Amino acid sequence: MTVDFGKGFTPTNLKYMRQFYLTFPNSHALRSELSWTRYRLLIREENENAREIYTEEAIK
């Protein structure tokens, strides 16, 4: 996909994109204040309550 769409579509980034979709299936719940890098860190947290707390702290 890198050839067709650019350097952002590496196997590693595709893995992160899939995990992002599985972790945040409701796109309306996404926060514009958070960057892709921050979301990559948040998707590592398995506990949903902890992830919500970290999300709020990251926005502050």
N, C-alpha and C. Protein backbone atom coordinates (compact mmCIF):
# COMPACT_ATOMS: atom_id res chain seq x y z
N MET A 1 0.81 -1.20 0.00
CA MET A 1 0.00 0.00 0.00
C MET A 1 0.86 1.26 0.00
N THR A 2 2.10 1.15 0.44
CA THR A 2 2.97 2.31 0.46
C THR A 2 3.15 2.88 -0.93
N VAL A 3 3.28 2.02 -1.92
CA VAL A 3 3.46 2.47 -3.30
C VAL A 3 2.21 3.22 -3.78
N ASP A 4 1.03 2.71 -3.44
CA ASP A 4 -0.22 3.31 -3.90
C ASP A 4 -0.62 4.57 -3.13
N PHE A 5 -0.39 4.57 -1.80
CA PHE A 5 -0.93 5.65 -0.97
C PHE A 5 0.10 6.49 -0.23
N GLY A 6 1.36 6.12 -0.25
CA GLY A 6 2.38 6.92 0.41
C GLY A 6 3.03 6.19 1.58
N LYS A 7 4.03 6.85 2.15
CA LYS A 7 4.85 6.20 3.17
C LYS A 7 4.14 5.95 4.50
N GLY A 8 2.99 6.54 4.73
CA GLY A 8 2.27 6.33 5.98
C GLY A 8 1.57 4.98 6.08
N PHE A 9 1.57 4.20 5.01
CA PHE A 9 0.85 2.94 5.00
C PHE A 9 1.79 1.74 5.09
N THR A 10 2.67 1.78 6.06
CA THR A 10 3.58 0.67 6.32
C THR A 10 2.82 -0.41 7.09
N PRO A 11 3.35 -1.62 7.12
CA PRO A 11 2.68 -2.68 7.91
C PRO A 11 2.48 -2.29 9.38
N THR A 12 3.44 -1.60 9.96
CA THR A 12 3.31 -1.17 11.35
C THR A 12 2.17 -0.17 11.52
N ASN A 13 2.11 0.83 10.64
CA ASN A 13 1.03 1.82 10.73
C ASN A 13 -0.33 1.19 10.47
N LEU A 14 -0.39 0.24 9.56
CA LEU A 14 -1.66 -0.45 9.31
C LEU A 14 -2.11 -1.22 10.54
N LYS A 15 -1.16 -1.79 11.26
CA LYS A 15 -1.48 -2.48 12.51
C LYS A 15 -2.07 -1.49 13.51
N TYR A 16 -1.45 -0.31 13.63
CA TYR A 16 -1.97 0.72 14.53
C TYR A 16 -3.36 1.20 14.11
N MET A 17 -3.56 1.36 12.81
CA MET A 17 -4.87 1.80 12.31
C MET A 17 -5.96 0.79 12.64
N ARG A 18 -5.64 -0.48 12.48
CA ARG A 18 -6.62 -1.53 12.82
C ARG A 18 -6.92 -1.52 14.30
N GLN A 19 -5.88 -1.43 15.13
CA GLN A 19 -6.08 -1.40 16.58
C GLN A 19 -6.87 -0.17 17.00
N PHE A 20 -6.62 0.95 16.35
CA PHE A 20 -7.37 2.19 16.61
C PHE A 20 -8.85 1.97 16.34
N TYR A 21 -9.16 1.37 15.20
CA TYR A 21 -10.55 1.11 14.84
C TYR A 21 -11.22 0.17 15.84
N LEU A 22 -10.50 -0.85 16.29
CA LEU A 22 -11.06 -1.79 17.26
C LEU A 22 -11.24 -1.15 18.63
N THR A 23 -10.35 -0.23 18.99
CA THR A 23 -10.41 0.41 20.30
C THR A 23 -11.42 1.55 20.34
N PHE A 24 -11.53 2.30 19.26
CA PHE A 24 -12.44 3.44 19.19
C PHE A 24 -13.41 3.26 18.01
N PRO A 25 -14.35 2.29 18.12
CA PRO A 25 -15.25 2.03 16.99
C PRO A 25 -16.26 3.15 16.74
N ASN A 26 -16.54 3.95 17.76
CA ASN A 26 -17.49 5.05 17.61
C ASN A 26 -16.73 6.31 17.24
N SER A 27 -16.73 6.64 15.97
CA SER A 27 -15.94 7.80 15.51
C SER A 27 -16.43 9.12 16.09
N HIS A 28 -17.67 9.17 16.56
CA HIS A 28 -18.19 10.40 17.15
C HIS A 28 -17.57 10.69 18.53
N ALA A 29 -16.96 9.67 19.11
CA ALA A 29 -16.35 9.84 20.43
C ALA A 29 -14.91 10.34 20.35
N LEU A 30 -14.39 10.49 19.16
CA LEU A 30 -13.00 10.92 19.00
C LEU A 30 -12.85 12.39 19.35
N ARG A 31 -11.69 12.74 19.84
CA ARG A 31 -11.42 14.11 20.28
C ARG A 31 -10.45 14.79 19.33
N SER A 32 -10.82 15.95 18.85
CA SER A 32 -9.96 16.68 17.91
C SER A 32 -8.71 17.22 18.59
N GLU A 33 -8.72 17.29 19.91
CA GLU A 33 -7.55 17.80 20.64
C GLU A 33 -6.38 16.81 20.67
N LEU A 34 -6.65 15.57 20.33
CA LEU A 34 -5.62 14.54 20.43
C LEU A 34 -5.02 14.23 19.06
N SER A 35 -3.73 14.05 19.04
CA SER A 35 -3.02 13.73 17.80
C SER A 35 -3.00 12.22 17.57
N TRP A 36 -2.60 11.83 16.39
CA TRP A 36 -2.46 10.41 16.06
C TRP A 36 -1.46 9.75 17.00
N THR A 37 -0.38 10.46 17.33
CA THR A 37 0.63 9.92 18.23
C THR A 37 0.03 9.64 19.60
N ARG A 38 -0.80 10.54 20.10
CA ARG A 38 -1.44 10.34 21.41
C ARG A 38 -2.39 9.15 21.36
N TYR A 39 -3.16 9.04 20.27
CA TYR A 39 -4.05 7.89 20.14
C TYR A 39 -3.28 6.58 20.07
N ARG A 40 -2.12 6.59 19.44
CA ARG A 40 -1.31 5.38 19.39
C ARG A 40 -0.90 4.94 20.78
N LEU A 41 -0.65 5.88 21.66
CA LEU A 41 -0.33 5.53 23.04
C LEU A 41 -1.57 5.04 23.79
N LEU A 42 -2.71 5.68 23.55
CA LEU A 42 -3.94 5.32 24.25
C LEU A 42 -4.45 3.93 23.87
N ILE A 43 -4.25 3.51 22.63
CA ILE A 43 -4.77 2.20 22.23
C ILE A 43 -4.02 1.05 22.90
N ARG A 44 -2.90 1.34 23.48
CA ARG A 44 -2.15 0.30 24.20
C ARG A 44 -2.81 -0.06 25.53
N GLU A 45 -3.59 0.87 26.07
CA GLU A 45 -4.26 0.63 27.36
C GLU A 45 -5.48 -0.25 27.14
N GLU A 46 -5.50 -1.42 27.77
CA GLU A 46 -6.60 -2.36 27.58
C GLU A 46 -7.82 -2.01 28.43
N ASN A 47 -7.59 -1.40 29.57
CA ASN A 47 -8.68 -1.05 30.48
C ASN A 47 -9.39 0.20 29.97
N GLU A 48 -10.67 0.06 29.63
CA GLU A 48 -11.41 1.18 29.04
C GLU A 48 -11.53 2.37 29.99
N ASN A 49 -11.76 2.10 31.28
CA ASN A 49 -11.88 3.20 32.25
C ASN A 49 -10.57 3.96 32.38
N ALA A 50 -9.47 3.24 32.44
CA ALA A 50 -8.16 3.88 32.53
C ALA A 50 -7.89 4.69 31.26
N ARG A 51 -8.25 4.14 30.10
CA ARG A 51 -8.06 4.84 28.84
C ARG A 51 -8.84 6.15 28.81
N GLU A 52 -10.06 6.15 29.35
CA GLU A 52 -10.85 7.38 29.40
C GLU A 52 -10.19 8.43 30.31
N ILE A 53 -9.66 7.98 31.43
CA ILE A 53 -8.97 8.90 32.35
C ILE A 53 -7.73 9.48 31.67
N TYR A 54 -6.95 8.63 31.02
CA TYR A 54 -5.75 9.11 30.32
C TYR A 54 -6.11 10.06 29.19
N THR A 55 -7.23 9.79 28.53
CA THR A 55 -7.68 10.69 27.46
C THR A 55 -7.98 12.07 28.00
N GLU A 56 -8.72 12.13 29.09
CA GLU A 56 -9.05 13.41 29.71
C GLU A 56 -7.80 14.15 30.18
N GLU A 57 -6.87 13.42 30.76
CA GLU A 57 -5.62 14.04 31.22
C GLU A 57 -4.80 14.56 30.05
N ALA A 58 -4.78 13.83 28.96
CA ALA A 58 -4.02 14.28 27.79
C ALA A 58 -4.60 15.55 27.20
N ILE A 59 -5.90 15.70 27.27
CA ILE A 59 -6.56 16.90 26.74
C ILE A 59 -6.24 18.11 27.61
N LYS A 60 -6.15 17.89 28.91
CA LYS A 60 -5.82 19.00 29.82
C LYS A 60 -4.40 19.47 29.58
